[in-house]
Amino acid sequence: MRISTMENAVRPVTMALLPLLVLFLLREPVLAQERTSSQGRIEHALWELVGTEVIITYDLIADADKVYDINITLKRLSDGKFGYVPKAVMGAVGTGQRTGLKKEIRWDFRKDVLQDLKGDDYYFEFVVNVSNDEQTSNLWYYIAGGAAMVVTIAAFLVFGKKAAGSTDLPDPPASRPGQQ
């Protein structure tokens, strides 16, 4: 008589999923450290108004082997909710930026902003990210996770089903003590 329970499936499933679990647990801190160190930083950011253009200069200090996305947002010290992403910009902004000193962005603010920006407490916030073209794809992790699910389901179907008419009880002895 065949006895098949979930207990029979625990070992194969554990052996299939344990390496994947370790892989996922070990992956996260390593990538978190890489992301922190590989994003780059902006130094010496200055801006000035010249006619109808705002000229922003900055230094991008980062890994020279990577390509970066540089995004800017106009902010205001006196209004924490104020934030405007300039659209009429050109120069060292957007995707495909490399490291370097004295990089320049030109923003024709009259094309974007209809009213005058009065006040002297404006500043630009920079966001630097490694370009999506340069980032490692997570596709293999999705494939591994899908494979782990398939293995788990297959193990459950193979080891988890009881044969028709079977029980978890052992077969009765062929003869009883005292009988021959």
C-alpha atoms as a PDB file:
ATOM      1  CA  MET A   1       0.000   0.000   0.000  1.00  0.00           C
ATOM      2  CA  ARG A   2       1.320   3.437  -0.923  1.00  0.00           C
ATOM      3  CA  ILE A   3       1.231   6.094   1.774  1.00  0.00           C
ATOM      4  CA  SER A   4       1.577   9.565   0.370  1.00  0.00           C
ATOM      5  CA  THR A   5       1.149  12.698   2.435  1.00  0.00           C
ATOM      6  CA  MET A   6       2.395  16.242   2.439  1.00  0.00           C
ATOM      7  CA  GLU A   7       5.125  15.115   4.810  1.00  0.00           C
ATOM      8  CA  ASN A   8       6.681  13.224   1.897  1.00  0.00           C
ATOM      9  CA  ALA A   9       6.772  16.431  -0.130  1.00  0.00           C
ATOM     10  CA  VAL A  10       8.376  18.628   2.521  1.00  0.00           C
ATOM     11  CA  ARG A  11      11.955  17.540   1.845  1.00  0.00           C
ATOM     12  CA  PRO A  12      11.919  17.929  -1.983  1.00  0.00           C
ATOM     13  CA  VAL A  13      10.110  21.252  -1.773  1.00  0.00           C
ATOM     14  CA  THR A  14      12.478  22.508   0.916  1.00  0.00           C
ATOM     15  CA  MET A  15      15.492  21.440  -1.116  1.00  0.00           C
ATOM     16  CA  ALA A  16      14.104  23.206  -4.196  1.00  0.00           C
ATOM     17  CA  LEU A  17      13.127  26.443  -2.451  1.00  0.00           C
ATOM     18  CA  LEU A  18      15.966  26.851   0.057  1.00  0.00           C
ATOM     19  CA  PRO A  19      18.603  27.950  -2.506  1.00  0.00           C
ATOM     20  CA  LEU A  20      16.164  30.467  -3.989  1.00  0.00           C
ATOM     21  CA  LEU A  21      15.292  31.838  -0.559  1.00  0.00           C
ATOM     22  CA  VAL A  22      18.978  32.254   0.273  1.00  0.00           C
ATOM     23  CA  LEU A  23      19.557  33.921  -3.113  1.00  0.00           C
ATOM     24  CA  PHE A  24      16.763  36.448  -2.540  1.00  0.00           C
ATOM     25  CA  LEU A  25      17.822  37.175   1.033  1.00  0.00           C
ATOM     26  CA  LEU A  26      21.467  37.695   0.106  1.00  0.00           C
ATOM     27  CA  ARG A  27      20.660  39.760  -2.990  1.00  0.00           C
ATOM     28  CA  GLU A  28      18.844  42.658  -1.334  1.00  0.00           C
ATOM     29  CA  PRO A  29      21.570  44.135   0.924  1.00  0.00           C
ATOM     30  CA  VAL A  30      24.155  43.836  -1.842  1.00  0.00           C
ATOM     31  CA  LEU A  31      22.002  45.718  -4.353  1.00  0.00           C
ATOM     32  CA  ALA A  32      21.023  48.296  -1.760  1.00  0.00           C
ATOM     33  CA  GLN A  33      24.700  49.071  -1.235  1.00  0.00           C
ATOM     34  CA  GLU A  34      25.341  49.217  -4.983  1.00  0.00           C
ATOM     35  CA  ARG A  35      22.428  51.571  -5.558  1.00  0.00           C
ATOM     36  CA  THR A  36      23.564  53.916  -2.828  1.00  0.00           C
ATOM     37  CA  SER A  37      27.123  54.098  -4.118  1.00  0.00           C
ATOM     38  CA  SER A  38      26.372  54.039  -7.858  1.00  0.00           C
ATOM     39  CA  GLN A  39      23.736  56.778  -8.087  1.00  0.00           C
ATOM     40  CA  GLY A  40      26.234  59.590  -8.054  1.00  0.00           C
ATOM     41  CA  ARG A  41      25.938  62.987  -6.472  1.00  0.00           C
ATOM     42  CA  ILE A  42      25.626  66.590  -7.555  1.00  0.00           C
ATOM     43  CA  GLU A  43      28.145  69.127  -6.321  1.00  0.00           C
ATOM     44  CA  HIS A  44      28.636  72.853  -6.899  1.00  0.00           C
ATOM     45  CA  ALA A  45      25.134  73.377  -8.268  1.00  0.00           C
ATOM     46  CA  LEU A  46      24.531  77.046  -9.120  1.00  0.00           C
ATOM     47  CA  TRP A  47      21.915  78.847 -11.147  1.00  0.00           C
ATOM     48  CA  GLU A  48      21.532  82.323 -12.548  1.00  0.00           C
ATOM     49  CA  LEU A  49      18.931  84.200 -14.555  1.00  0.00           C
ATOM     50  CA  VAL A  50      20.207  85.476 -17.902  1.00  0.00           C
ATOM     51  CA  GLY A  51      17.462  87.173 -19.934  1.00  0.00           C
ATOM     52  CA  THR A  52      14.620  84.668 -20.233  1.00  0.00           C
ATOM     53  CA  GLU A  53      16.839  81.695 -19.468  1.00  0.00           C
ATOM     54  CA  VAL A  54      17.861  80.100 -16.226  1.00  0.00           C
ATOM     55  CA  ILE A  55      21.355  78.652 -16.585  1.00  0.00           C
ATOM     56  CA  ILE A  56      22.131  75.867 -14.117  1.00  0.00           C
ATOM     57  CA  THR A  57      25.660  74.536 -13.748  1.00  0.00           C
ATOM     58  CA  TYR A  58      26.704  71.517 -11.706  1.00  0.00           C
ATOM     59  CA  ASP A  59      29.310  68.793 -11.296  1.00  0.00           C
ATOM     60  CA  LEU A  60      28.205  65.154 -11.538  1.00  0.00           C
ATOM     61  CA  ILE A  61      30.454  63.031  -9.362  1.00  0.00           C
ATOM     62  CA  ALA A  62      29.799  59.357 -10.135  1.00  0.00           C
ATOM     63  CA  ASP A  63      31.127  56.190 -11.718  1.00  0.00           C
ATOM     64  CA  ALA A  64      32.464  57.171 -15.151  1.00  0.00           C
ATOM     65  CA  ASP A  65      31.542  53.783 -16.645  1.00  0.00           C
ATOM     66  CA  LYS A  66      27.814  54.349 -16.171  1.00  0.00           C
ATOM     67  CA  VAL A  67      25.167  56.498 -17.817  1.00  0.00           C
ATOM     68  CA  TYR A  68      22.793  58.564 -15.663  1.00  0.00           C
ATOM     69  CA  ASP A  69      19.366  60.148 -15.730  1.00  0.00           C
ATOM     70  CA  ILE A  70      19.425  63.703 -14.361  1.00  0.00           C
ATOM     71  CA  ASN A  71      16.116  65.273 -13.380  1.00  0.00           C
ATOM     72  CA  ILE A  72      15.545  68.682 -11.821  1.00  0.00           C
ATOM     73  CA  THR A  73      12.639  70.176  -9.913  1.00  0.00           C
ATOM     74  CA  LEU A  74      12.207  73.845  -9.052  1.00  0.00           C
ATOM     75  CA  LYS A  75      11.429  74.145  -5.322  1.00  0.00           C
ATOM     76  CA  ARG A  76      10.726  77.002  -2.946  1.00  0.00           C
ATOM     77  CA  LEU A  77      11.919  77.337   0.653  1.00  0.00           C
ATOM     78  CA  SER A  78       8.858  79.306   1.792  1.00  0.00           C
ATOM     79  CA  ASP A  79       6.394  76.779   0.287  1.00  0.00           C
ATOM     80  CA  GLY A  80       7.197  73.131   0.965  1.00  0.00           C
ATOM     81  CA  LYS A  81       4.391  71.982  -1.340  1.00  0.00           C
ATOM     82  CA  PHE A  82       5.710  73.919  -4.334  1.00  0.00           C
ATOM     83  CA  GLY A  83       7.505  71.844  -6.918  1.00  0.00           C
ATOM     84  CA  TYR A  84       7.713  72.374 -10.652  1.00  0.00           C
ATOM     85  CA  VAL A  85       9.473  70.124 -13.160  1.00  0.00           C
ATOM     86  CA  PRO A  86      10.777  72.315 -16.010  1.00  0.00           C
ATOM     87  CA  LYS A  87       9.909  71.104 -19.509  1.00  0.00           C
ATOM     88  CA  ALA A  88      11.619  73.600 -21.824  1.00  0.00           C
ATOM     89  CA  VAL A  89      15.113  72.476 -20.811  1.00  0.00           C
ATOM     90  CA  MET A  90      18.137  71.473 -22.840  1.00  0.00           C
ATOM     91  CA  GLY A  91      21.697  70.515 -22.111  1.00  0.00           C
ATOM     92  CA  ALA A  92      22.967  68.138 -19.451  1.00  0.00           C
ATOM     93  CA  VAL A  93      19.544  66.965 -18.271  1.00  0.00           C
ATOM     94  CA  GLY A  94      17.446  63.853 -18.886  1.00  0.00           C
ATOM     95  CA  THR A  95      18.694  60.435 -19.921  1.00  0.00           C
ATOM     96  CA  GLY A  96      22.125  59.539 -21.195  1.00  0.00           C
ATOM     97  CA  GLN A  97      24.248  61.852 -19.029  1.00  0.00           C
ATOM     98  CA  ARG A  98      27.870  61.087 -18.158  1.00  0.00           C
ATOM     99  CA  THR A  99      29.930  62.291 -15.235  1.00  0.00           C
ATOM    100  CA  GLY A 100      31.769  65.568 -15.521  1.00  0.00           C
ATOM    101  CA  LEU A 101      32.438  69.041 -14.200  1.00  0.00           C
ATOM    102  CA  LYS A 102      30.720  72.315 -15.159  1.00  0.00           C
ATOM    103  CA  LYS A 103      27.773  70.592 -16.808  1.00  0.00           C
ATOM    104  CA  GLU A 104      25.127  73.055 -17.977  1.00  0.00           C
ATOM    105  CA  ILE A 105      21.341  73.035 -18.220  1.00  0.00           C
ATOM    106  CA  ARG A 106      19.445  75.852 -19.955  1.00  0.00           C
ATOM    107  CA  TRP A 107      15.788  76.443 -19.079  1.00  0.00           C
ATOM    108  CA  ASP A 108      13.688  78.931 -21.026  1.00  0.00           C
ATOM    109  CA  PHE A 109      11.248  79.487 -18.162  1.00  0.00           C
ATOM    110  CA  ARG A 110       8.971  81.842 -20.162  1.00  0.00           C
ATOM    111  CA  LYS A 111       7.904  78.857 -22.297  1.00  0.00           C
ATOM    112  CA  ASP A 112       6.916  76.842 -19.204  1.00  0.00           C
ATOM    113  CA  VAL A 113       5.716  79.328 -16.598  1.00  0.00           C
ATOM    114  CA  LEU A 114       2.955  81.771 -17.447  1.00  0.00           C
ATOM    115  CA  GLN A 115       3.269  83.947 -14.353  1.00  0.00           C
ATOM    116  CA  ASP A 116       6.359  85.583 -12.942  1.00  0.00           C
ATOM    117  CA  LEU A 117       8.166  83.686 -10.243  1.00  0.00           C
ATOM    118  CA  LYS A 118       8.516  86.327  -7.581  1.00  0.00           C
ATOM    119  CA  GLY A 119      10.750  85.870  -4.591  1.00  0.00           C
ATOM    120  CA  ASP A 120      14.304  84.903  -3.937  1.00  0.00           C
ATOM    121  CA  ASP A 121      13.905  81.581  -2.157  1.00  0.00           C
ATOM    122  CA  TYR A 122      13.832  79.256  -5.189  1.00  0.00           C
ATOM    123  CA  TYR A 123      16.267  76.393  -5.635  1.00  0.00           C
ATOM    124  CA  PHE A 124      16.671  73.322  -7.823  1.00  0.00           C
ATOM    125  CA  GLU A 125      16.478  69.798  -6.508  1.00  0.00           C
ATOM    126  CA  PHE A 126      18.427  67.209  -8.506  1.00  0.00           C
ATOM    127  CA  VAL A 127      17.601  63.518  -8.781  1.00  0.00           C
ATOM    128  CA  VAL A 128      20.362  61.281 -10.131  1.00  0.00           C
ATOM    129  CA  ASN A 129      19.667  57.676 -11.134  1.00  0.00           C
ATOM    130  CA  VAL A 130      21.599  55.090 -13.082  1.00  0.00           C
ATOM    131  CA  SER A 131      19.978  54.961 -16.508  1.00  0.00           C
ATOM    132  CA  ASN A 132      17.567  52.056 -17.043  1.00  0.00           C
ATOM    133  CA  ASP A 133      19.718  50.934 -19.941  1.00  0.00           C
ATOM    134  CA  GLU A 134      22.580  50.409 -17.516  1.00  0.00           C
ATOM    135  CA  GLN A 135      20.726  48.730 -14.656  1.00  0.00           C
ATOM    136  CA  THR A 136      20.802  44.965 -14.222  1.00  0.00           C
ATOM    137  CA  SER A 137      17.533  43.383 -15.241  1.00  0.00           C
ATOM    138  CA  ASN A 138      15.501  41.548 -12.624  1.00  0.00           C
ATOM    139  CA  LEU A 139      14.166  39.190 -15.300  1.00  0.00           C
ATOM    140  CA  TRP A 140      16.231  36.261 -14.010  1.00  0.00           C
ATOM    141  CA  TYR A 141      14.763  36.679 -10.530  1.00  0.00           C
ATOM    142  CA  TYR A 142      11.241  36.545 -11.938  1.00  0.00           C
ATOM    143  CA  ILE A 143      12.136  33.433 -13.932  1.00  0.00           C
ATOM    144  CA  ALA A 144      13.652  31.782 -10.841  1.00  0.00           C
ATOM    145  CA  GLY A 145      10.602  32.684  -8.755  1.00  0.00           C
ATOM    146  CA  GLY A 146       8.275  31.252 -11.415  1.00  0.00           C
ATOM    147  CA  ALA A 147      10.355  28.064 -11.587  1.00  0.00           C
ATOM    148  CA  ALA A 148      10.184  27.741  -7.796  1.00  0.00           C
ATOM    149  CA  MET A 149       6.400  28.026  -7.939  1.00  0.00           C
ATOM    150  CA  VAL A 150       6.203  25.363 -10.672  1.00  0.00           C
ATOM    151  CA  VAL A 151       8.436  23.015  -8.641  1.00  0.00           C
ATOM    152  CA  THR A 152       6.335  23.598  -5.524  1.00  0.00           C
ATOM    153  CA  ILE A 153       3.058  22.940  -7.343  1.00  0.00           C
ATOM    154  CA  ALA A 154       4.465  19.857  -9.066  1.00  0.00           C
ATOM    155  CA  ALA A 155       5.789  18.505  -5.756  1.00  0.00           C
ATOM    156  CA  PHE A 156       2.418  19.085  -4.139  1.00  0.00           C
ATOM    157  CA  LEU A 157       0.610  17.338  -6.980  1.00  0.00           C
ATOM    158  CA  VAL A 158       2.997  14.382  -7.015  1.00  0.00           C
ATOM    159  CA  PHE A 159       3.539  13.928  -3.291  1.00  0.00           C
ATOM    160  CA  GLY A 160       0.464  15.574  -1.862  1.00  0.00           C
ATOM    161  CA  LYS A 161      -2.255  13.510  -3.507  1.00  0.00           C
ATOM    162  CA  LYS A 162      -3.416  10.325  -1.876  1.00  0.00           C
ATOM    163  CA  ALA A 163      -3.920   7.307  -4.070  1.00  0.00           C
ATOM    164  CA  ALA A 164      -7.571   6.434  -4.535  1.00  0.00           C
ATOM    165  CA  GLY A 165      -8.770   4.288  -1.648  1.00  0.00           C
ATOM    166  CA  SER A 166      -5.540   4.631   0.335  1.00  0.00           C
ATOM    167  CA  THR A 167      -5.354   5.654   3.950  1.00  0.00           C
ATOM    168  CA  ASP A 168      -2.605   6.732   6.249  1.00  0.00           C
ATOM    169  CA  LEU A 169      -2.988   3.515   8.216  1.00  0.00           C
ATOM    170  CA  PRO A 170      -0.656   0.579   7.612  1.00  0.00           C
ATOM    171  CA  ASP A 171      -1.950  -2.669   6.143  1.00  0.00           C
ATOM    172  CA  PRO A 172      -3.282  -5.115   8.750  1.00  0.00           C
ATOM    173  CA  PRO A 173      -0.936  -7.980   9.589  1.00  0.00           C
ATOM    174  CA  ALA A 174      -1.367 -11.129   7.557  1.00  0.00           C
ATOM    175  CA  SER A 175      -1.840 -13.152  10.694  1.00  0.00           C
ATOM    176  CA  ARG A 176      -2.646 -12.337  14.249  1.00  0.00           C
ATOM    177  CA  PRO A 177      -0.597 -13.504  17.172  1.00  0.00           C
ATOM    178  CA  GLY A 178      -1.819 -16.880  18.291  1.00  0.00           C
ATOM    179  CA  GLN A 179      -3.312 -17.658  14.899  1.00  0.00           C
ATOM    180  CA  GLN A 180      -1.606 -19.677  12.252  1.00  0.00           C
END
